N, C-alpha and C. Protein backbone atom coordinates (compact mmCIF):
# COMPACT_ATOMS: atom_id res chain seq x y z
N MET A 1 0.78 -1.42 0.46
CA MET A 1 0.31 0.87 0.22
C MET A 1 0.72 2.02 0.39
N LYS A 2 0.47 2.14 -1.35
CA LYS A 2 0.98 3.53 -0.94
C LYS A 2 -0.16 4.05 -0.18
N ILE A 3 1.39 4.86 0.49
CA ILE A 3 -0.16 6.35 1.50
C ILE A 3 1.03 7.94 1.44
N GLY A 4 0.27 8.75 1.40
CA GLY A 4 1.17 10.07 0.92
C GLY A 4 0.45 10.64 2.71
N ILE A 5 1.08 11.83 2.63
CA ILE A 5 1.06 11.77 3.82
C ILE A 5 1.22 13.42 3.17
N LEU A 6 0.26 14.15 4.33
CA LEU A 6 0.36 15.95 3.67
C LEU A 6 -0.08 16.82 4.92
N GLY A 7 1.03 17.11 5.40
CA GLY A 7 0.25 17.71 6.87
C GLY A 7 0.24 19.03 6.83
N GLY A 8 -0.01 20.07 8.13
CA GLY A 8 -0.33 21.63 7.48
C GLY A 8 -1.27 21.70 9.20
N THR A 9 -1.53 22.66 9.92
CA THR A 9 -2.51 23.49 10.44
C THR A 9 -3.47 23.47 9.45
N PHE A 10 -3.73 23.95 8.32
CA PHE A 10 -5.22 24.04 8.14
C PHE A 10 -5.80 24.31 8.95
N ASP A 11 -5.58 25.75 9.04
CA ASP A 11 -6.84 26.81 8.91
C ASP A 11 -6.93 28.26 8.67
N PRO A 12 -7.26 27.67 8.04
CA PRO A 12 -8.34 26.15 6.87
C PRO A 12 -8.13 25.65 5.96
N ILE A 13 -8.19 24.96 6.04
CA ILE A 13 -7.83 23.91 4.43
C ILE A 13 -8.74 24.29 3.37
N HIS A 14 -8.06 24.90 2.39
CA HIS A 14 -8.61 25.30 1.30
C HIS A 14 -8.46 24.50 -0.04
N LEU A 15 -8.72 25.34 -1.04
CA LEU A 15 -8.04 24.45 -2.76
C LEU A 15 -7.03 23.74 -3.05
N ALA A 16 -5.90 24.50 -2.08
CA ALA A 16 -4.59 24.12 -2.81
C ALA A 16 -4.37 23.32 -2.40
N HIS A 17 -4.92 22.69 -1.51
CA HIS A 17 -4.21 22.06 -0.59
C HIS A 17 -5.44 19.98 -1.05
N LEU A 18 -5.95 20.51 -1.12
CA LEU A 18 -6.81 19.33 -1.93
C LEU A 18 -6.48 19.76 -3.27
N LEU A 19 -6.27 20.26 -4.34
CA LEU A 19 -5.47 20.78 -5.48
C LEU A 19 -4.59 19.56 -4.94
N MET A 20 -3.32 20.02 -4.76
CA MET A 20 -1.74 19.31 -4.12
C MET A 20 -2.78 17.43 -3.82
N ALA A 21 -3.06 17.61 -2.71
CA ALA A 21 -3.30 16.42 -2.92
C ALA A 21 -4.00 15.25 -3.63
N GLU A 22 -4.87 15.91 -4.00
CA GLU A 22 -5.50 14.97 -5.63
C GLU A 22 -4.50 15.19 -6.47
N ILE A 23 -3.76 15.30 -6.77
CA ILE A 23 -2.22 16.00 -8.18
C ILE A 23 -1.58 14.23 -7.82
N ALA A 24 -1.34 14.70 -6.09
CA ALA A 24 -0.16 13.72 -5.57
C ALA A 24 -0.93 12.28 -5.79
N VAL A 25 -1.65 12.33 -4.93
CA VAL A 25 -2.58 10.70 -5.59
C VAL A 25 -2.24 10.39 -7.30
N GLU A 26 -2.43 11.09 -8.16
CA GLU A 26 -1.99 10.80 -9.27
C GLU A 26 -0.82 10.38 -10.00
N THR A 27 -0.08 10.88 -9.00
CA THR A 27 1.35 11.52 -9.78
C THR A 27 2.57 10.14 -9.04
N LEU A 28 1.72 10.35 -7.56
CA LEU A 28 2.41 9.06 -6.65
C LEU A 28 1.84 7.69 -7.19
N ASP A 29 0.50 7.61 -7.83
CA ASP A 29 -0.31 6.21 -7.76
C ASP A 29 -0.63 5.48 -5.92
N LEU A 30 -0.89 6.57 -5.27
CA LEU A 30 -1.19 6.49 -4.62
C LEU A 30 -2.85 5.75 -3.82
N GLU A 31 -2.57 4.70 -2.68
CA GLU A 31 -4.17 4.33 -2.92
C GLU A 31 -4.82 4.81 -1.97
N ARG A 32 -4.10 5.92 -1.11
CA ARG A 32 -4.19 6.88 0.67
C ARG A 32 -3.32 8.03 0.66
N LEU A 33 -4.50 8.88 1.23
CA LEU A 33 -3.46 10.32 1.50
C LEU A 33 -3.86 10.86 2.67
N LEU A 34 -3.26 10.98 3.32
CA LEU A 34 -3.78 11.19 5.26
C LEU A 34 -3.24 12.64 4.84
N PHE A 35 -4.37 13.07 5.78
CA PHE A 35 -4.33 14.65 6.53
C PHE A 35 -4.89 15.11 6.97
N LEU A 36 -2.93 15.35 7.54
CA LEU A 36 -2.82 15.17 9.34
C LEU A 36 -1.95 17.26 9.04
N PRO A 37 -2.94 17.24 10.45
CA PRO A 37 -3.80 18.92 11.16
C PRO A 37 -2.88 18.58 12.49
N ALA A 38 -1.98 19.90 12.46
CA ALA A 38 -0.50 20.07 13.32
C ALA A 38 -1.09 19.92 14.25
N GLY A 39 0.22 19.15 15.10
CA GLY A 39 -1.39 19.37 16.71
C GLY A 39 -0.34 20.62 17.42
N ASP A 40 1.35 21.00 17.00
CA ASP A 40 1.87 21.66 17.97
C ASP A 40 3.22 22.05 17.57
N PRO A 41 3.25 23.20 15.91
CA PRO A 41 5.08 22.70 15.02
C PRO A 41 5.68 23.42 15.80
N PRO A 42 6.37 23.00 15.58
CA PRO A 42 7.67 24.03 16.65
C PRO A 42 7.68 24.79 15.87
N HIS A 43 7.71 25.24 14.50
CA HIS A 43 8.17 25.96 14.09
C HIS A 43 6.74 27.31 14.13
N LYS A 44 5.81 26.73 14.24
CA LYS A 44 4.92 27.64 14.18
C LYS A 44 4.22 28.34 15.68
N GLN A 45 4.88 27.94 16.98
CA GLN A 45 4.59 27.72 18.07
C GLN A 45 3.92 29.55 19.07
N ASP A 46 4.42 30.33 18.21
CA ASP A 46 4.39 31.76 18.34
C ASP A 46 2.65 32.90 17.90
N ARG A 47 2.24 31.11 16.64
CA ARG A 47 0.90 31.99 16.18
C ARG A 47 -0.14 31.74 16.55
N LEU A 48 -1.10 31.96 16.94
CA LEU A 48 -2.59 31.98 17.02
C LEU A 48 -3.04 31.39 16.55
N LYS A 49 -3.25 29.57 16.53
CA LYS A 49 -4.00 29.46 15.45
C LYS A 49 -6.01 28.72 15.82
N SER A 50 -6.21 28.02 15.16
CA SER A 50 -8.05 27.55 15.50
C SER A 50 -7.92 26.03 15.78
N SER A 51 -8.91 25.85 17.47
CA SER A 51 -8.25 24.84 17.72
C SER A 51 -8.82 23.60 17.38
N ALA A 52 -7.98 22.24 17.58
CA ALA A 52 -8.02 20.83 17.31
C ALA A 52 -8.77 20.82 16.50
N ARG A 53 -10.12 20.66 16.99
CA ARG A 53 -11.80 20.42 17.21
C ARG A 53 -11.52 20.96 15.60
N HIS A 54 -11.93 22.55 15.90
CA HIS A 54 -12.68 23.01 14.55
C HIS A 54 -11.51 22.92 13.47
N ARG A 55 -9.96 22.79 13.06
CA ARG A 55 -9.47 22.29 12.20
C ARG A 55 -9.46 21.04 11.27
N CYS A 56 -9.60 19.76 12.41
CA CYS A 56 -9.74 18.74 11.83
C CYS A 56 -11.65 18.56 11.71
N ALA A 57 -12.74 19.75 12.42
CA ALA A 57 -13.70 19.58 11.21
C ALA A 57 -14.01 20.20 9.79
N MET A 58 -13.27 20.80 9.80
CA MET A 58 -12.82 21.25 8.54
C MET A 58 -12.75 20.93 7.77
N VAL A 59 -11.46 19.48 8.39
CA VAL A 59 -10.88 18.70 7.12
C VAL A 59 -12.05 17.83 6.60
N GLU A 60 -12.45 17.42 7.93
CA GLU A 60 -13.66 16.43 6.89
C GLU A 60 -14.46 17.00 5.71
N LEU A 61 -14.70 17.82 6.13
CA LEU A 61 -15.68 18.29 5.48
C LEU A 61 -15.36 18.85 4.18
N ALA A 62 -14.28 19.07 3.82
CA ALA A 62 -13.77 18.86 2.95
C ALA A 62 -13.13 17.45 1.98
N ILE A 63 -12.72 16.64 2.39
CA ILE A 63 -12.32 15.35 2.07
C ILE A 63 -13.42 15.11 2.33
N ALA A 64 -14.66 14.91 2.67
CA ALA A 64 -15.25 13.97 2.45
C ALA A 64 -16.13 13.64 1.32
N GLY A 65 -16.45 12.73 0.13
CA GLY A 65 -16.80 11.34 -0.94
C GLY A 65 -15.11 11.58 -1.98
N ASN A 66 -14.26 11.73 -1.14
CA ASN A 66 -12.98 11.05 -2.40
C ASN A 66 -11.98 10.28 -0.88
N PRO A 67 -12.88 8.11 -1.37
CA PRO A 67 -11.90 8.12 -1.20
C PRO A 67 -10.91 7.26 -0.79
N CYS A 68 -10.29 8.16 -1.18
CA CYS A 68 -8.83 8.22 -0.65
C CYS A 68 -8.48 9.26 0.17
N PHE A 69 -8.82 10.49 0.18
CA PHE A 69 -8.90 10.96 1.23
C PHE A 69 -9.24 10.69 3.09
N GLU A 70 -8.39 11.09 3.82
CA GLU A 70 -8.23 10.80 5.23
C GLU A 70 -7.63 11.41 6.06
N LEU A 71 -8.23 12.16 7.10
CA LEU A 71 -7.96 12.37 8.52
C LEU A 71 -7.68 11.74 9.76
N CYS A 72 -6.22 11.66 9.39
CA CYS A 72 -4.92 11.26 10.74
C CYS A 72 -4.74 12.90 12.02
N ARG A 73 -5.65 11.54 13.02
CA ARG A 73 -5.07 12.73 14.20
C ARG A 73 -3.48 12.55 15.24
N GLY A 74 -2.92 11.56 14.50
CA GLY A 74 -1.69 11.73 15.08
C GLY A 74 -0.75 11.98 15.56
N ASP A 75 -0.85 13.38 15.10
CA ASP A 75 0.10 14.41 15.62
C ASP A 75 -0.88 15.62 17.07
N LEU A 76 -2.42 14.94 16.80
CA LEU A 76 -3.56 15.28 17.80
C LEU A 76 -3.35 15.45 18.62
N GLU A 77 -2.69 13.65 18.61
CA GLU A 77 -3.47 12.89 20.31
C GLU A 77 -2.33 11.87 20.66
N ARG A 78 -1.22 12.98 20.84
CA ARG A 78 0.53 12.91 21.74
C ARG A 78 0.82 14.14 21.69
N PRO A 79 1.34 14.62 22.92
CA PRO A 79 1.92 15.48 23.08
C PRO A 79 2.85 15.95 22.75
N GLY A 80 3.29 17.01 22.25
CA GLY A 80 3.72 18.27 21.57
C GLY A 80 4.92 18.29 21.91
N PRO A 81 6.80 19.54 21.01
CA PRO A 81 6.37 19.20 19.74
C PRO A 81 6.32 17.85 19.03
N HIS A 82 6.29 18.02 17.59
CA HIS A 82 6.07 17.17 16.95
C HIS A 82 6.44 17.58 15.79
N TYR A 83 7.59 16.72 16.10
CA TYR A 83 8.58 16.65 14.51
C TYR A 83 8.12 15.12 13.04
N SER A 84 8.48 15.35 12.49
CA SER A 84 7.73 15.16 11.22
C SER A 84 8.62 13.73 11.57
N VAL A 85 9.79 14.07 11.47
CA VAL A 85 10.50 12.24 11.34
C VAL A 85 9.88 11.68 12.89
N ASP A 86 9.12 11.64 13.21
CA ASP A 86 8.30 10.90 14.29
C ASP A 86 7.18 10.47 13.61
N THR A 87 6.53 11.52 13.13
CA THR A 87 5.07 11.23 13.44
C THR A 87 5.35 10.24 11.85
N VAL A 88 6.27 10.65 10.82
CA VAL A 88 6.02 9.39 9.81
C VAL A 88 6.78 7.70 10.27
N HIS A 89 7.21 7.52 11.63
CA HIS A 89 7.84 6.31 12.56
C HIS A 89 6.49 6.09 12.88
N LEU A 90 5.15 6.09 13.43
CA LEU A 90 4.29 6.25 13.78
C LEU A 90 3.82 5.35 12.53
N ILE A 91 3.19 6.55 11.88
CA ILE A 91 2.55 5.80 10.71
C ILE A 91 2.50 4.64 10.20
N ARG A 92 3.67 4.76 9.30
CA ARG A 92 4.48 3.90 9.25
C ARG A 92 3.94 2.55 9.86
N GLU A 93 4.03 2.45 11.33
CA GLU A 93 3.78 1.59 12.05
C GLU A 93 2.57 1.03 11.95
N GLN A 94 2.04 1.79 12.27
CA GLN A 94 0.78 1.89 11.99
C GLN A 94 -0.23 1.40 10.74
N TYR A 95 0.97 1.82 9.75
CA TYR A 95 0.10 1.13 8.87
C TYR A 95 0.94 -0.24 8.20
N THR A 96 1.86 -0.15 8.58
CA THR A 96 2.75 -1.41 8.55
C THR A 96 3.37 -0.99 6.92
N ILE A 97 4.10 -0.13 6.86
CA ILE A 97 4.62 -0.18 5.43
C ILE A 97 5.87 0.28 5.18
N SER A 98 6.20 0.05 4.16
CA SER A 98 8.15 0.48 4.36
C SER A 98 7.92 2.05 3.79
N ALA A 99 9.33 1.95 3.56
CA ALA A 99 9.79 2.97 3.29
C ALA A 99 9.79 3.86 1.37
N ASP A 100 9.79 2.86 1.11
CA ASP A 100 9.68 3.45 -0.50
C ASP A 100 8.00 3.51 -0.53
N GLU A 101 7.22 2.76 -0.34
CA GLU A 101 5.64 3.18 0.00
C GLU A 101 5.04 4.55 0.91
N CYS A 102 5.80 4.98 1.64
CA CYS A 102 5.95 6.23 2.66
C CYS A 102 6.27 7.08 1.12
N PHE A 103 5.22 8.01 1.45
CA PHE A 103 5.46 9.52 0.92
C PHE A 103 5.26 11.16 1.91
N PHE A 104 6.14 11.17 2.44
CA PHE A 104 5.79 13.24 2.99
C PHE A 104 5.95 13.84 1.62
N ILE A 105 4.76 14.47 2.43
CA ILE A 105 4.16 16.23 0.68
C ILE A 105 4.54 17.16 0.97
N ILE A 106 5.51 17.85 0.60
CA ILE A 106 5.58 19.38 0.82
C ILE A 106 6.10 19.81 0.00
N GLY A 107 6.14 21.60 0.46
CA GLY A 107 6.09 21.91 -0.57
C GLY A 107 7.84 22.28 -1.04
N GLY A 108 7.64 22.24 -2.56
CA GLY A 108 8.97 22.37 -3.07
C GLY A 108 9.85 23.76 -2.75
N ASP A 109 9.18 24.93 -2.48
CA ASP A 109 9.30 25.60 -1.05
C ASP A 109 10.25 25.25 0.15
N SER A 110 9.95 24.35 0.42
CA SER A 110 9.72 23.43 2.20
C SER A 110 11.34 23.31 1.58
N LEU A 111 12.07 22.94 0.92
CA LEU A 111 12.90 21.41 0.71
C LEU A 111 14.22 22.21 1.10
N ALA A 112 14.31 23.98 1.16
CA ALA A 112 15.44 24.80 1.32
C ALA A 112 15.84 24.56 2.75
N ASP A 113 14.54 24.74 3.61
CA ASP A 113 14.05 24.71 4.30
C ASP A 113 14.85 22.93 5.44
N LEU A 114 15.15 21.86 5.24
CA LEU A 114 14.85 20.99 5.34
C LEU A 114 16.11 20.55 6.27
N PRO A 115 17.48 21.55 5.40
CA PRO A 115 18.80 21.48 6.27
C PRO A 115 18.74 21.58 7.71
N GLY A 116 17.91 22.52 8.36
CA GLY A 116 17.11 22.98 9.48
C GLY A 116 15.99 21.99 9.97
N TRP A 117 15.08 21.30 9.55
CA TRP A 117 14.71 20.05 10.02
C TRP A 117 15.66 19.03 11.18
N HIS A 118 14.28 18.38 12.02
CA HIS A 118 14.27 18.36 12.93
C HIS A 118 14.77 16.86 12.33
N GLN A 119 16.77 15.66 12.24
CA GLN A 119 16.80 14.84 11.88
C GLN A 119 16.28 14.38 10.41
N ALA A 120 16.36 16.33 9.58
CA ALA A 120 16.41 15.67 8.24
C ALA A 120 17.17 14.10 7.54
N GLU A 121 18.42 13.62 7.46
CA GLU A 121 19.13 12.63 7.30
C GLU A 121 18.44 11.04 7.75
N LYS A 122 16.95 11.44 8.67
CA LYS A 122 16.94 10.08 9.31
C LYS A 122 15.40 10.16 9.06
N LEU A 123 14.71 11.21 8.64
CA LEU A 123 13.32 11.68 8.09
C LEU A 123 13.42 10.99 6.10
N ILE A 124 14.10 11.41 6.05
CA ILE A 124 14.25 10.57 4.18
C ILE A 124 14.97 9.27 4.34
N ARG A 125 15.23 8.44 4.86
CA ARG A 125 15.24 7.21 5.43
C ARG A 125 14.07 6.14 5.72
N LEU A 126 13.25 7.11 6.21
CA LEU A 126 12.17 6.59 6.65
C LEU A 126 10.80 6.39 5.43
N CYS A 127 11.21 7.95 4.75
CA CYS A 127 9.77 7.49 3.86
C CYS A 127 11.12 8.42 2.76
N ARG A 128 9.80 8.39 1.34
CA ARG A 128 10.14 9.24 0.78
C ARG A 128 9.71 10.76 0.38
N LEU A 129 10.92 11.39 0.45
CA LEU A 129 9.43 12.76 0.67
C LEU A 129 9.21 13.30 -1.13
N ALA A 130 7.94 13.38 -1.45
CA ALA A 130 7.25 14.01 -2.48
C ALA A 130 6.97 16.24 -2.56
N ALA A 131 8.30 16.77 -3.44
CA ALA A 131 7.93 17.73 -3.46
C ALA A 131 6.57 18.75 -4.58
N ALA A 132 5.83 19.45 -4.28
CA ALA A 132 5.60 20.55 -5.10
C ALA A 132 5.70 20.88 -6.12
N HIS A 133 6.40 21.18 -7.21
CA HIS A 133 7.60 22.13 -7.27
C HIS A 133 6.07 23.09 -7.95
N ARG A 134 6.04 23.92 -7.54
CA ARG A 134 6.30 25.63 -7.92
C ARG A 134 6.50 26.00 -9.48
N PRO A 135 5.67 26.60 -10.25
CA PRO A 135 6.40 27.01 -11.26
C PRO A 135 7.14 28.37 -11.31
N GLY A 136 8.07 28.36 -11.89
CA GLY A 136 9.52 29.53 -11.82
C GLY A 136 10.17 28.67 -10.32
N TYR A 137 9.88 28.14 -9.56
CA TYR A 137 11.30 28.01 -8.48
C TYR A 137 11.32 26.26 -8.60
N ARG A 138 12.83 26.09 -7.93
CA ARG A 138 13.04 24.97 -7.97
C ARG A 138 13.94 25.28 -7.66
N PRO A 139 15.12 25.05 -6.72
CA PRO A 139 15.74 24.92 -5.26
C PRO A 139 17.09 23.72 -5.56
N ASP A 140 18.38 24.60 -5.08
CA ASP A 140 19.98 23.72 -5.52
C ASP A 140 19.33 22.79 -4.79
N ILE A 141 19.32 21.52 -5.34
CA ILE A 141 19.66 19.99 -5.17
C ILE A 141 20.89 19.29 -5.13
N ALA A 142 21.83 19.77 -5.68
CA ALA A 142 23.07 19.68 -5.35
C ALA A 142 23.52 20.28 -4.54
N GLN A 143 23.11 21.13 -3.84
CA GLN A 143 23.95 21.87 -2.97
C GLN A 143 22.74 21.04 -0.87
N LEU A 144 21.77 21.17 -1.91
CA LEU A 144 21.18 20.16 -0.80
C LEU A 144 21.81 18.75 -0.36
N GLU A 145 22.03 18.38 -1.48
CA GLU A 145 22.68 17.04 -1.04
C GLU A 145 23.93 17.12 -0.52
N THR A 146 24.32 18.32 -0.57
CA THR A 146 26.51 17.89 0.50
C THR A 146 25.73 17.53 1.55
N ILE A 147 24.72 18.09 1.85
CA ILE A 147 23.87 18.72 3.69
C ILE A 147 23.35 17.11 3.74
N ILE A 148 22.11 17.27 3.15
CA ILE A 148 21.63 15.72 3.24
C ILE A 148 22.05 14.70 1.99
N PRO A 149 23.29 14.25 2.72
CA PRO A 149 23.17 13.14 1.60
C PRO A 149 22.43 12.01 1.84
N GLY A 150 22.02 11.69 -0.15
CA GLY A 150 21.46 11.17 -0.01
C GLY A 150 19.55 11.99 -0.57
N LEU A 151 19.44 12.37 -0.88
CA LEU A 151 18.27 13.24 -0.66
C LEU A 151 17.82 13.31 -1.69
N ARG A 152 19.08 13.18 -3.07
CA ARG A 152 18.28 13.22 -4.59
C ARG A 152 17.87 11.85 -4.25
N GLU A 153 17.76 10.55 -4.56
CA GLU A 153 17.10 9.91 -4.51
C GLU A 153 16.39 9.83 -3.81
N ARG A 154 15.99 10.83 -3.16
CA ARG A 154 15.08 9.99 -2.55
C ARG A 154 13.71 10.21 -2.04
N LEU A 155 14.06 11.96 -3.53
CA LEU A 155 13.11 12.93 -3.50
C LEU A 155 12.20 12.75 -5.35
N ASP A 156 11.29 12.88 -5.03
CA ASP A 156 9.67 12.58 -5.78
C ASP A 156 8.95 14.12 -5.94
N TRP A 157 8.79 14.46 -7.76
CA TRP A 157 8.95 15.26 -7.58
C TRP A 157 6.93 15.60 -8.15
N VAL A 158 5.84 16.70 -7.42
CA VAL A 158 4.75 16.53 -7.51
C VAL A 158 4.46 18.12 -8.92
N GLU A 159 3.64 17.52 -9.93
CA GLU A 159 4.22 18.63 -10.97
C GLU A 159 2.54 19.45 -10.01
N MET A 160 3.16 20.99 -9.85
CA MET A 160 1.52 21.44 -9.64
C MET A 160 1.93 22.99 -9.99
N PRO A 161 -0.30 23.26 -10.59
CA PRO A 161 -0.36 23.88 -11.23
C PRO A 161 -0.41 25.24 -10.23
N LEU A 162 0.14 26.37 -9.96
CA LEU A 162 0.42 27.74 -10.04
C LEU A 162 -0.87 28.08 -8.51
N LEU A 163 -1.66 27.95 -7.83
CA LEU A 163 -2.62 28.68 -7.11
C LEU A 163 -1.57 28.64 -5.81
N ALA A 164 -2.23 30.18 -5.80
CA ALA A 164 -1.72 31.66 -4.82
C ALA A 164 -3.02 31.64 -3.46
N ILE A 165 -3.43 30.84 -2.80
CA ILE A 165 -3.61 30.70 -1.91
C ILE A 165 -3.01 30.32 -0.48
N ALA A 166 -3.94 30.60 0.29
CA ALA A 166 -2.97 31.03 1.75
C ALA A 166 -4.00 31.27 2.97
N GLY A 167 -3.71 30.11 3.88
CA GLY A 167 -4.65 30.07 5.28
C GLY A 167 -4.74 31.95 5.83
N SER A 168 -3.47 32.46 5.46
CA SER A 168 -3.25 33.54 6.56
C SER A 168 -4.40 35.01 5.88
N GLU A 169 -3.56 34.55 4.55
CA GLU A 169 -5.32 35.87 4.04
C GLU A 169 -6.10 35.37 3.35
N ILE A 170 -6.60 34.04 3.72
CA ILE A 170 -8.21 33.51 4.44
C ILE A 170 -8.35 34.09 5.39
N ARG A 171 -7.68 34.60 6.57
CA ARG A 171 -7.79 34.68 7.49
C ARG A 171 -8.08 36.54 7.52
N ALA A 172 -7.13 36.95 6.94
CA ALA A 172 -7.41 38.03 6.87
C ALA A 172 -9.36 39.11 6.20
N ARG A 173 -9.09 37.82 5.18
CA ARG A 173 -10.49 38.15 4.15
C ARG A 173 -11.63 38.46 5.25
N VAL A 174 -12.11 37.17 6.52
CA VAL A 174 -12.80 36.43 7.06
C VAL A 174 -12.10 37.93 7.78
N ARG A 175 -11.59 38.42 8.70
CA ARG A 175 -11.17 39.33 9.48
C ARG A 175 -12.21 40.27 9.26
N ALA A 176 -12.18 40.76 7.96
CA ALA A 176 -12.40 42.53 6.74
C ALA A 176 -13.96 41.79 6.03
N GLY A 177 -14.53 41.05 6.45
CA GLY A 177 -15.67 41.11 6.00
C GLY A 177 -15.74 40.43 4.62
N GLN A 178 -15.12 40.55 4.23
CA GLN A 178 -14.91 39.26 2.59
C GLN A 178 -15.28 38.22 1.85
N SER A 179 -15.21 38.30 1.33
CA SER A 179 -15.69 36.61 0.79
C SER A 179 -14.57 35.99 0.01
N ILE A 180 -14.56 34.34 0.57
CA ILE A 180 -13.95 34.06 0.85
C ILE A 180 -14.19 32.81 -0.24
N ARG A 181 -15.26 32.53 -1.08
CA ARG A 181 -15.68 31.78 -2.05
C ARG A 181 -14.65 31.95 -2.91
N TYR A 182 -14.60 29.96 -3.49
CA TYR A 182 -13.97 29.77 -3.45
C TYR A 182 -11.61 29.32 -4.08
N GLN A 183 -12.67 29.72 -3.02
CA GLN A 183 -11.05 29.70 -2.04
C GLN A 183 -10.65 28.33 -1.31
N VAL A 184 -12.37 27.56 -0.32
CA VAL A 184 -12.55 27.09 -0.12
C VAL A 184 -13.70 26.39 0.01
N VAL A 185 -13.22 25.17 0.34
CA VAL A 185 -15.42 24.87 -0.42
C VAL A 185 -16.11 25.05 0.58
N GLU A 186 -17.59 25.70 -0.38
CA GLU A 186 -18.33 25.59 0.18
C GLU A 186 -19.45 25.57 1.76
N SER A 187 -18.89 23.82 1.99
CA SER A 187 -18.70 23.35 3.74
C SER A 187 -17.80 24.26 4.19
N VAL A 188 -17.20 24.37 3.90
CA VAL A 188 -16.01 24.36 4.88
C VAL A 188 -16.29 25.66 5.66
N ARG A 189 -16.87 26.93 3.98
CA ARG A 189 -17.44 28.24 4.19
C ARG A 189 -18.19 28.88 4.82
N ASN A 190 -19.31 27.68 4.75
CA ASN A 190 -20.62 27.59 5.70
C ASN A 190 -19.91 27.39 7.80
N TYR A 191 -18.71 26.54 8.08
CA TYR A 191 -18.61 25.90 9.02
C TYR A 191 -18.12 26.99 9.58
N ILE A 192 -17.08 28.22 8.59
CA ILE A 192 -16.12 28.99 9.07
C ILE A 192 -17.39 30.19 9.55
N ASP A 193 -18.72 30.37 8.48
CA ASP A 193 -19.63 31.49 9.13
C ASP A 193 -20.61 30.95 10.71
N GLN A 194 -20.72 29.91 10.24
CA GLN A 194 -21.48 29.30 11.45
C GLN A 194 -20.94 29.04 12.88
N HIS A 195 -19.26 28.58 12.80
CA HIS A 195 -18.36 28.86 14.28
C HIS A 195 -18.18 30.50 14.53
N GLN A 196 -17.74 31.92 13.44
CA GLN A 196 -17.31 32.91 13.46
C GLN A 196 -16.10 32.65 13.43
N LEU A 197 -15.26 32.09 13.34
CA LEU A 197 -13.64 32.30 12.71
C LEU A 197 -13.41 32.62 12.50
N TYR A 198 -11.76 33.02 13.21
CA TYR A 198 -10.91 34.64 12.18
C TYR A 198 -11.63 35.99 12.90
N GLN A 199 -12.61 35.95 13.17
CA GLN A 199 -13.15 37.53 13.23
C GLN A 199 -12.91 38.70 14.52
N GLY A 200 -12.56 37.88 15.19
CA GLY A 200 -11.58 38.38 16.36
C GLY A 200 -10.06 38.48 16.22
């Protein structure tokens, strides 16, 4: 079984997340793609975020109807801070899959930050990295290879169309009373309205 892992705060989950997931499933021939809401991300501890309950509910609404997509609460059900290397290890144990059956999906721009990740060399031994390639940007893999040996052979590219949607912009639009239609699925937009998220 080939499984993809797409992590994020999902605050809120939006159409760019869903498009990335769908293209990853097709490109990598995945049987399942796990949406993994961040519980206590080390690099975002200084930013306010919605409760895990709200973020999970929005993910469930957004992925409803796609049998390949699944909500994974792994990072929410254990104490943090959470590191990708630990999460991948736990998911591999849970689903009994090999390193070559496990794909950790990240934005292509995040590759440049990989040397600063916790145990990056161990991470690429535990899974394959699937980098979403954004038009006009390709990091220097040769340079990264000198810092993280073996990276190149553990890396797959997922070609993504440019879709500039960001959770921070969606939250700002809600605070300003502006429309977020066509940036999130309708059920998520209704949930945000119903629970008055991002308005304070």
